[in-house]
Protein backbone atom coordinates (compact mmCIF):
# COMPACT_ATOMS: atom_id res chain seq x y z
CA UNK A 1 -11.50 -26.00 -16.61
CA UNK A 2 -12.80 -26.32 -20.59
CA UNK A 3 -15.91 -27.63 -20.79
CA UNK A 4 -18.04 -29.22 -23.72
CA UNK A 5 -21.55 -28.05 -23.77
CA UNK A 6 -23.68 -30.22 -26.32
CA UNK A 7 -27.46 -28.57 -26.11
CA UNK A 8 -30.34 -29.80 -28.10
CA UNK A 9 -31.22 -26.17 -28.02
CA UNK A 10 -30.16 -22.72 -28.11
CA UNK A 11 -31.23 -19.09 -28.94
CA UNK A 12 -32.90 -18.51 -32.11
CA UNK A 13 -34.54 -21.22 -29.65
CA UNK A 14 -36.40 -19.16 -26.88
CA UNK A 15 -37.44 -22.15 -23.94
CA UNK A 16 -36.00 -22.86 -21.16
CA UNK A 17 -32.90 -25.47 -22.18
CA UNK A 18 -31.62 -22.99 -25.08
CA UNK A 19 -31.94 -20.26 -21.93
CA UNK A 20 -30.28 -22.06 -19.18
CA UNK A 21 -26.91 -23.27 -21.75
CA UNK A 22 -26.71 -18.95 -22.25
CA UNK A 23 -26.69 -18.84 -18.14
CA UNK A 24 -24.22 -21.53 -17.58
CA UNK A 25 -21.59 -20.61 -20.54
CA UNK A 26 -21.67 -17.49 -19.99
CA UNK A 27 -20.88 -17.84 -15.96
CA UNK A 28 -18.25 -20.20 -16.60
CA UNK A 29 -16.97 -17.72 -18.65
CA UNK A 30 -17.25 -15.31 -15.93
CA UNK A 31 -15.54 -17.86 -13.48
CA UNK A 32 -12.39 -17.96 -15.56
CA UNK A 33 -13.56 -21.50 -17.74
CA UNK A 34 -12.93 -21.81 -21.42
CA UNK A 35 -16.73 -23.72 -22.28
CA UNK A 36 -17.86 -24.08 -26.30
CA UNK A 37 -21.76 -25.04 -27.87
CA UNK A 38 -22.53 -27.86 -29.58
CA UNK A 39 -26.00 -27.10 -31.10
CA UNK A 40 -28.29 -28.10 -33.83
CA UNK A 41 -27.63 -25.03 -36.71
CA UNK A 42 -31.06 -22.69 -36.71
CA UNK A 43 -33.54 -22.38 -39.35
CA UNK A 44 -32.78 -20.57 -42.68
CA UNK A 45 -35.40 -17.62 -41.08
CA UNK A 46 -33.56 -18.15 -38.41
CA UNK A 47 -30.03 -17.46 -38.97
CA UNK A 48 -29.60 -14.33 -39.73
CA UNK A 49 -30.60 -13.53 -36.01
CA UNK A 50 -28.13 -11.41 -34.42
CA UNK A 51 -26.27 -14.30 -31.21
CA UNK A 52 -22.83 -12.42 -30.19
CA UNK A 53 -21.63 -15.08 -27.54
CA UNK A 54 -18.00 -14.98 -25.92
CA UNK A 55 -17.68 -18.28 -26.09
CA UNK A 56 -17.40 -20.27 -29.67
CA UNK A 57 -20.75 -22.26 -30.77
CA UNK A 58 -20.69 -24.80 -33.18
CA UNK A 59 -23.51 -25.68 -35.02
CA UNK A 60 -24.01 -28.90 -35.91
CA UNK A 61 -26.88 -30.09 -38.89
CA UNK A 62 -30.74 -30.30 -38.31
CA UNK A 63 -34.06 -31.26 -39.31
CA UNK A 64 -37.73 -29.84 -38.08
CA UNK A 65 -39.72 -31.91 -35.96
CA UNK A 66 -43.01 -33.12 -37.18
CA UNK A 67 -45.56 -31.33 -35.98
CA UNK A 68 -43.47 -28.27 -34.18
CA UNK A 69 -41.57 -27.69 -37.62
CA UNK A 70 -39.92 -24.19 -35.38
CA UNK A 71 -38.24 -26.59 -33.47
CA UNK A 72 -35.00 -28.55 -34.99
CA UNK A 73 -33.18 -31.71 -34.05
CA UNK A 74 -29.38 -31.93 -34.26
CA UNK A 75 -27.96 -34.31 -36.15
CA UNK A 76 -25.03 -36.60 -35.45
CA UNK A 77 -22.32 -34.99 -37.63
CA UNK A 78 -18.66 -35.72 -38.33
CA UNK A 79 -18.58 -32.21 -37.25
CA UNK A 80 -19.88 -32.83 -32.99
CA UNK A 81 -16.74 -35.50 -32.60
CA UNK A 82 -14.14 -32.44 -34.80
CA UNK A 83 -15.16 -29.97 -32.38
CA UNK A 84 -14.69 -32.34 -29.30
CA UNK A 85 -11.25 -33.60 -29.98
CA UNK A 86 -10.34 -29.60 -30.82
CA UNK A 87 -11.70 -28.31 -27.95
CA UNK A 88 -10.27 -31.48 -25.62
CA UNK A 89 -12.93 -30.67 -23.29
CA UNK A 90 -12.11 -31.62 -19.30
CA UNK A 91 -15.89 -32.32 -19.16
CA UNK A 92 -18.42 -32.85 -21.60
CA UNK A 93 -22.18 -31.66 -20.03
CA UNK A 94 -24.96 -33.21 -22.41
CA UNK A 95 -28.00 -30.89 -22.09
CA UNK A 96 -31.10 -32.30 -22.20
CA UNK A 97 -29.78 -35.34 -23.97
CA UNK A 98 -31.88 -37.02 -27.02
CA UNK A 99 -30.82 -37.24 -30.41
CA UNK A 100 -27.48 -34.69 -30.18
CA UNK A 101 -26.79 -35.20 -27.17
CA UNK A 102 -26.81 -39.45 -27.53
CA UNK A 103 -24.84 -39.06 -30.12
CA UNK A 104 -22.52 -36.33 -27.37
CA UNK A 105 -22.76 -39.13 -25.10
CA UNK A 106 -21.06 -42.17 -27.27
CA UNK A 107 -18.09 -40.14 -28.71
CA UNK A 108 -17.32 -38.55 -25.16
CA UNK A 109 -17.10 -42.21 -24.25
CA UNK A 110 -15.05 -43.05 -27.08
CA UNK A 111 -12.68 -40.57 -26.65
CA UNK A 112 -12.98 -41.19 -22.26
CA UNK A 113 -14.12 -37.90 -21.30
CA UNK A 114 -16.14 -37.15 -17.98
CA UNK A 115 -20.09 -36.81 -18.74
CA UNK A 116 -22.95 -34.76 -17.11
CA UNK A 117 -25.74 -35.10 -17.97
CA UNK A 118 -29.09 -32.25 -16.96
CA UNK A 119 -32.53 -33.35 -17.47
CA UNK A 120 -34.13 -30.77 -18.61
CA UNK A 121 -37.75 -32.08 -21.00
CA UNK A 122 -40.83 -34.36 -20.01
CA UNK A 123 -39.22 -36.14 -23.46
CA UNK A 124 -42.22 -39.04 -22.64
CA UNK A 125 -45.58 -36.13 -22.27
CA UNK A 126 -43.78 -34.19 -25.80
CA UNK A 127 -43.28 -38.25 -27.22
CA UNK A 128 -47.17 -38.77 -26.54
CA UNK A 129 -48.81 -35.36 -27.99
CA UNK A 130 -46.78 -35.24 -30.32
CA UNK A 131 -47.53 -38.83 -31.69
CA UNK A 132 -43.89 -39.09 -33.19
CA UNK A 133 -43.79 -42.66 -33.58
CA UNK A 134 -43.23 -44.73 -30.35
CA UNK A 135 -44.45 -44.18 -26.97
CA UNK A 136 -43.74 -42.94 -23.54
CA UNK A 137 -41.80 -46.71 -22.36
CA UNK A 138 -39.42 -46.10 -25.84
CA UNK A 139 -39.12 -42.38 -25.10
CA UNK A 140 -38.13 -44.08 -21.36
CA UNK A 141 -35.86 -46.56 -22.38
CA UNK A 142 -33.86 -44.33 -24.76
CA UNK A 143 -33.33 -41.55 -21.91
CA UNK A 144 -32.36 -44.16 -19.23
CA UNK A 145 -29.69 -45.79 -22.14
CA UNK A 146 -28.18 -42.17 -22.28
CA UNK A 147 -28.66 -40.77 -18.58
CA UNK A 148 -27.37 -44.52 -17.28
CA UNK A 149 -24.02 -43.75 -19.84
CA UNK A 150 -22.98 -40.29 -17.70
CA UNK A 151 -20.92 -39.94 -14.89
CA UNK A 152 -24.17 -37.88 -12.52
CA UNK A 153 -27.24 -37.04 -13.73
CA UNK A 154 -28.73 -33.67 -12.83
CA UNK A 155 -32.59 -32.81 -12.61
CA UNK A 156 -33.92 -29.47 -11.86
CA UNK A 157 -36.69 -30.46 -9.19
CA UNK A 158 -37.86 -32.63 -6.45
CA UNK A 159 -40.33 -33.98 -8.73
CA UNK A 160 -38.34 -34.68 -12.33
CA UNK A 161 -35.40 -37.07 -10.06
CA UNK A 162 -37.71 -39.17 -8.84
CA UNK A 163 -39.46 -39.75 -11.97
CA UNK A 164 -35.84 -40.23 -13.00
CA UNK A 165 -35.18 -42.98 -10.56
CA UNK A 166 -38.80 -44.99 -10.59
CA UNK A 167 -37.69 -44.89 -14.64
CA UNK A 168 -33.98 -46.88 -13.08
CA UNK A 169 -31.72 -44.15 -13.80
CA UNK A 170 -28.90 -44.45 -11.87
CA UNK A 171 -26.57 -41.29 -9.92
CA UNK A 172 -29.11 -38.42 -9.74
CA UNK A 173 -28.64 -35.18 -8.53
CA UNK A 174 -30.74 -32.62 -7.50
CA UNK A 175 -29.51 -28.84 -9.72
CA UNK A 176 -32.40 -26.51 -9.54
CA UNK A 177 -32.51 -23.15 -11.90
CA UNK A 178 -30.94 -19.91 -11.37
CA UNK A 179 -33.69 -16.34 -12.03
CA UNK A 180 -32.06 -13.16 -12.52
CA UNK A 181 -33.84 -11.08 -9.79
CA UNK A 182 -32.74 -7.56 -11.07
CA UNK A 183 -34.61 -8.60 -14.43
CA UNK A 184 -37.44 -9.54 -13.14
CA UNK A 185 -38.61 -7.02 -10.39
CA UNK A 186 -41.68 -5.43 -9.01
CA UNK A 187 -40.59 -2.10 -9.23
CA UNK A 188 -40.61 -2.35 -13.47
CA UNK A 189 -44.68 -2.34 -12.33
CA UNK A 190 -46.02 0.12 -15.18
CA UNK A 191 -49.05 1.73 -15.22
CA UNK A 192 -48.67 3.00 -18.63
CA UNK A 193 -48.55 -1.66 -19.33
CA UNK A 194 -51.49 -1.74 -17.68
CA UNK A 195 -53.96 0.81 -19.48
CA UNK A 196 -52.83 -0.69 -22.68
CA UNK A 197 -53.97 -4.33 -22.00
CA UNK A 198 -56.78 -3.62 -19.36
CA UNK A 199 -57.89 -0.11 -20.03
CA UNK A 200 -61.10 -1.24 -18.21
CA UNK A 201 -59.23 -1.65 -15.08
CA UNK A 202 -59.37 -5.27 -15.10
CA UNK A 203 -57.36 -7.72 -13.32
CA UNK A 204 -54.15 -8.38 -15.27
CA UNK A 205 -53.76 -12.99 -15.28
CA UNK A 206 -50.72 -13.19 -17.52
CA UNK A 207 -49.30 -16.68 -18.58
CA UNK A 208 -46.06 -16.60 -20.26
CA UNK A 209 -44.45 -19.48 -22.16
CA UNK A 210 -44.24 -21.42 -25.04
CA UNK A 211 -47.55 -22.60 -26.91
CA UNK A 212 -47.29 -26.08 -27.48
CA UNK A 213 -49.85 -29.38 -26.76
CA UNK A 214 -48.27 -29.74 -23.42
CA UNK A 215 -48.98 -27.46 -21.88
CA UNK A 216 -52.63 -27.30 -21.73
CA UNK A 217 -53.18 -23.81 -22.70
CA UNK A 218 -56.71 -24.88 -23.56
CA UNK A 219 -57.39 -25.24 -20.03
CA UNK A 220 -57.02 -21.39 -19.55
CA UNK A 221 -60.83 -21.03 -20.97
CA UNK A 222 -62.74 -20.35 -18.13
CA UNK A 223 -59.86 -18.30 -16.48
CA UNK A 224 -60.47 -16.02 -19.41
CA UNK A 225 -63.95 -15.51 -18.89
CA UNK A 226 -64.39 -14.75 -15.54
CA UNK A 227 -65.25 -11.06 -15.51
CA UNK A 228 -63.47 -8.34 -14.04
CA UNK A 229 -60.52 -10.05 -15.40
CA UNK A 230 -57.85 -9.58 -18.30
CA UNK A 231 -56.33 -13.32 -19.48
CA UNK A 232 -52.84 -12.13 -21.65
CA UNK A 233 -50.78 -14.52 -23.01
CA UNK A 234 -47.59 -14.70 -23.51
CA UNK A 235 -45.22 -16.84 -25.86
CA UNK A 236 -45.11 -18.44 -29.03
CA UNK A 237 -45.61 -21.39 -30.76
CA UNK A 238 -47.26 -24.40 -33.00
CA UNK A 239 -50.71 -24.44 -31.07
CA UNK A 240 -51.03 -20.67 -30.80
CA UNK A 241 -53.55 -20.76 -33.69
CA UNK A 242 -55.84 -23.33 -32.49
CA UNK A 243 -55.24 -21.24 -28.92
CA UNK A 244 -56.66 -17.95 -30.76
CA UNK A 245 -59.56 -19.58 -31.68
CA UNK A 246 -60.57 -21.44 -28.16
CA UNK A 247 -59.34 -18.87 -26.12
CA UNK A 248 -61.60 -16.16 -27.93
CA UNK A 249 -61.62 -13.22 -24.77
CA UNK A 250 -57.79 -13.47 -23.81
CA UNK A 251 -55.28 -10.83 -25.64
CA UNK A 252 -52.53 -12.90 -27.07
CA UNK A 253 -48.85 -10.60 -27.42
CA UNK A 254 -47.20 -13.16 -29.32
CA UNK A 255 -43.49 -13.80 -27.91
CA UNK A 256 -41.69 -11.11 -25.81
CA UNK A 257 -37.95 -10.47 -24.48
CA UNK A 258 -36.04 -8.61 -22.39
CA UNK A 259 -36.79 -5.21 -20.40
CA UNK A 260 -39.55 -5.48 -22.85
CA UNK A 261 -40.60 -8.97 -20.46
CA UNK A 262 -39.92 -7.75 -17.56
CA UNK A 263 -42.02 -5.30 -17.41
CA UNK A 264 -45.39 -7.26 -18.57
CA UNK A 265 -44.83 -10.00 -15.60
CA UNK A 266 -44.61 -6.58 -12.78
CA UNK A 267 -47.55 -5.38 -14.55
CA UNK A 268 -49.97 -8.01 -13.81
CA UNK A 269 -51.56 -9.73 -10.35
CA UNK A 270 -51.62 -12.99 -10.55
CA UNK A 271 -49.59 -15.42 -13.21
CA UNK A 272 -51.20 -18.45 -14.17
CA UNK A 273 -49.49 -21.95 -15.60
CA UNK A 274 -51.52 -24.61 -16.84
CA UNK A 275 -48.64 -27.07 -18.11
CA UNK A 276 -48.73 -30.14 -16.08
CA UNK A 277 -45.40 -31.46 -17.32
CA UNK A 278 -42.62 -28.92 -16.28
CA UNK A 279 -39.94 -30.57 -14.82
CA UNK A 280 -39.02 -27.37 -13.11
CA UNK A 281 -40.95 -24.26 -14.61
CA UNK A 282 -38.67 -20.89 -15.11
CA UNK A 283 -41.46 -19.60 -16.16
CA UNK A 284 -43.25 -19.31 -12.71
CA UNK A 285 -39.84 -18.80 -10.87
CA UNK A 286 -39.59 -15.09 -12.98
CA UNK A 287 -43.24 -14.61 -12.25
CA UNK A 288 -42.60 -15.37 -8.26
CA UNK A 289 -39.18 -12.51 -8.88
CA UNK A 290 -41.52 -10.51 -9.98
CA UNK A 291 -43.50 -10.36 -7.08
CA UNK A 292 -46.68 -11.66 -8.87
CA UNK A 293 -48.44 -15.02 -7.18
CA UNK A 294 -48.39 -18.14 -8.69
CA UNK A 295 -51.66 -20.55 -10.08
CA UNK A 296 -50.38 -23.15 -11.12
CA UNK A 297 -51.17 -26.77 -11.32
CA UNK A 298 -49.70 -29.95 -8.21
CA UNK A 299 -47.27 -31.64 -10.51
CA UNK A 300 -43.01 -31.45 -11.78
CA UNK A 301 -41.12 -28.46 -11.08
CA UNK A 302 -44.17 -26.18 -9.57
CA UNK A 303 -44.22 -28.27 -6.57
CA UNK A 304 -40.75 -27.01 -5.63
CA UNK A 305 -41.73 -24.07 -6.71
CA UNK A 306 -45.16 -22.24 -4.88
CA UNK A 307 -46.20 -22.91 -1.35
CA UNK A 308 -49.55 -23.36 -0.96
CA UNK A 309 -51.61 -21.15 0.81
CA UNK A 310 -47.68 -18.90 1.34
CA UNK A 311 -46.00 -17.74 -2.55
CA UNK A 312 -49.63 -18.72 -4.78
CA UNK A 313 -52.00 -21.55 -5.21
CA UNK A 314 -51.30 -25.48 -6.40
CA UNK A 315 -54.75 -26.76 -7.38
CA UNK A 316 -55.83 -30.88 -8.99
CA UNK A 317 -53.79 -31.31 -12.99
CA UNK A 318 -55.83 -30.38 -15.83
CA UNK A 319 -58.71 -29.41 -13.66
CA UNK A 320 -59.25 -26.01 -15.89
CA UNK A 321 -61.93 -25.33 -13.36
CA UNK A 322 -59.66 -25.60 -10.29
CA UNK A 323 -57.38 -23.36 -11.85
CA UNK A 324 -59.87 -20.13 -13.08
CA UNK A 325 -61.72 -20.71 -9.23
CA UNK A 326 -57.74 -20.49 -7.72
CA UNK A 327 -57.67 -17.09 -9.93
CA UNK A 328 -61.47 -16.07 -9.30
CA UNK A 329 -60.50 -16.71 -5.03
CA UNK A 330 -56.70 -14.21 -5.43
CA UNK A 331 -58.97 -11.41 -8.36
CA UNK A 332 -61.27 -10.50 -4.81
CA UNK A 333 -58.63 -10.72 -2.73
CA UNK A 334 -56.44 -7.80 -2.73
CA UNK A 335 -54.62 -8.18 0.24
CA UNK A 336 -53.63 -11.45 -0.07
CA UNK A 337 -52.33 -11.21 -3.34
CA UNK A 338 -50.20 -8.58 -2.04
CA UNK A 339 -48.83 -10.94 0.51
CA UNK A 340 -48.37 -14.31 -1.78
CA UNK A 341 -46.31 -11.63 -3.99
CA UNK A 342 -43.99 -10.04 -1.68
CA UNK A 343 -43.45 -13.77 -0.41
CA UNK A 344 -42.70 -14.65 -3.65
CA UNK A 345 -39.88 -12.53 -4.14
CA UNK A 346 -38.57 -12.77 -0.87
CA UNK A 347 -38.59 -17.12 -1.94
CA UNK A 348 -36.47 -16.98 -5.18
CA UNK A 349 -34.04 -13.93 -3.91
CA UNK A 350 -31.14 -16.74 -3.34
CA UNK A 351 -31.70 -18.23 -6.13
CA UNK A 352 -29.34 -16.34 -8.41
CA UNK A 353 -27.98 -17.37 -11.97
CA UNK A 354 -24.34 -17.45 -10.55
CA UNK A 355 -24.84 -19.24 -6.90
CA UNK A 356 -26.62 -22.28 -9.12
CA UNK A 357 -23.62 -21.84 -11.87
CA UNK A 358 -21.15 -22.24 -9.12
CA UNK A 359 -23.15 -24.89 -7.80
CA UNK A 360 -22.84 -26.62 -11.20
CA UNK A 361 -19.16 -26.32 -11.47
CA UNK A 362 -19.22 -28.18 -8.06
CA UNK A 363 -20.84 -31.09 -10.25
CA UNK A 364 -18.42 -30.66 -12.29
CA UNK A 365 -15.26 -31.42 -10.33
CA UNK A 366 -16.78 -34.49 -8.70
CA UNK A 367 -16.94 -36.14 -11.53
CA UNK A 368 -13.77 -35.11 -12.55
CA UNK A 369 -12.50 -36.88 -9.36
CA UNK A 370 -14.67 -39.76 -10.12
CA UNK A 371 -17.17 -38.78 -7.59
CA UNK A 372 -19.61 -39.08 -9.75
CA UNK A 373 -19.45 -42.43 -10.73
CA UNK A 374 -19.46 -43.54 -6.88
CA UNK A 375 -21.51 -41.59 -4.94
CA UNK A 376 -24.98 -42.39 -4.00
CA UNK A 377 -28.36 -41.50 -6.17
CA UNK A 378 -28.77 -38.01 -4.42
CA UNK A 379 -32.69 -36.67 -5.13
CA UNK A 380 -33.58 -34.93 -1.70
CA UNK A 381 -32.36 -31.02 -1.89
């Protein structure tokens, strides 16, 4: 098949949308398909960052998002239509469509091309937190129009699928994300890393992710003050400066990737996640693959990823005290941490990118045969 992936984000961006598009396109090439990626042009500061890919990447003009200058919105342009015309795809895959994806949907409709839209970002929450000039209701109206124009919408978790259906989105199917359990491996635990991060033998508790207001990382303040605990923050973003002031006891490492990130995960004792708006929670899944017990809000994607009392602890959303209490309980019980970590690794063992990539190809084929337009809404696993 020939597939055109129109995405709102792509490397050098570091986020779940960009990462999953890379893994999907790589898998398509591996399976003998022919993808192209159409993505926003990066900022001038990052255009020199290496980015060789085994498939064409077409860049369209972009602008920075207000209050989040490191993220850029792709602008509708003739380059998108030209790329679709030239590639002549069998199906158009819209990754987290909003601005560029909305134009991609319109062009695909004009060309009578089958479309599959992947919901990945809680844009209604973004509208609220970044005060972009339109509210949650307007964001949902826009998203509903985009997704209902698609032959099939894929949601990453049962909660996000239910949200879509509640807001009037039709033809919703569940498609989770994969995890690289070879890269993220408990065997990478490093005593050298641990000695550097916790020279006094503290319990290492880590957060990995973008530092943005909707992630609610400030809720980890009480956790950072727990005796005998060292909170390590891995990631970067527009909220970093404010968070460094709010969490003076935490260690901020900035962005880490590849093998260095995998070693950091494996060298932690507990993983903690604070954001209540995750449609999936890829860093949670990477932590599970690294053999870590996870503490996270009982909201969104983590509800599918964590079995409370087995692989970690789910707590009420937006409750910093509950996060700290759950971490403190694990800090005082090494046997429970070990049991949760072993169960966590087993939990994600079958969730490879190859497996979910093949599942995605199945969705492409269903859309091509017209099944996407006639199947009932499906949100169950």
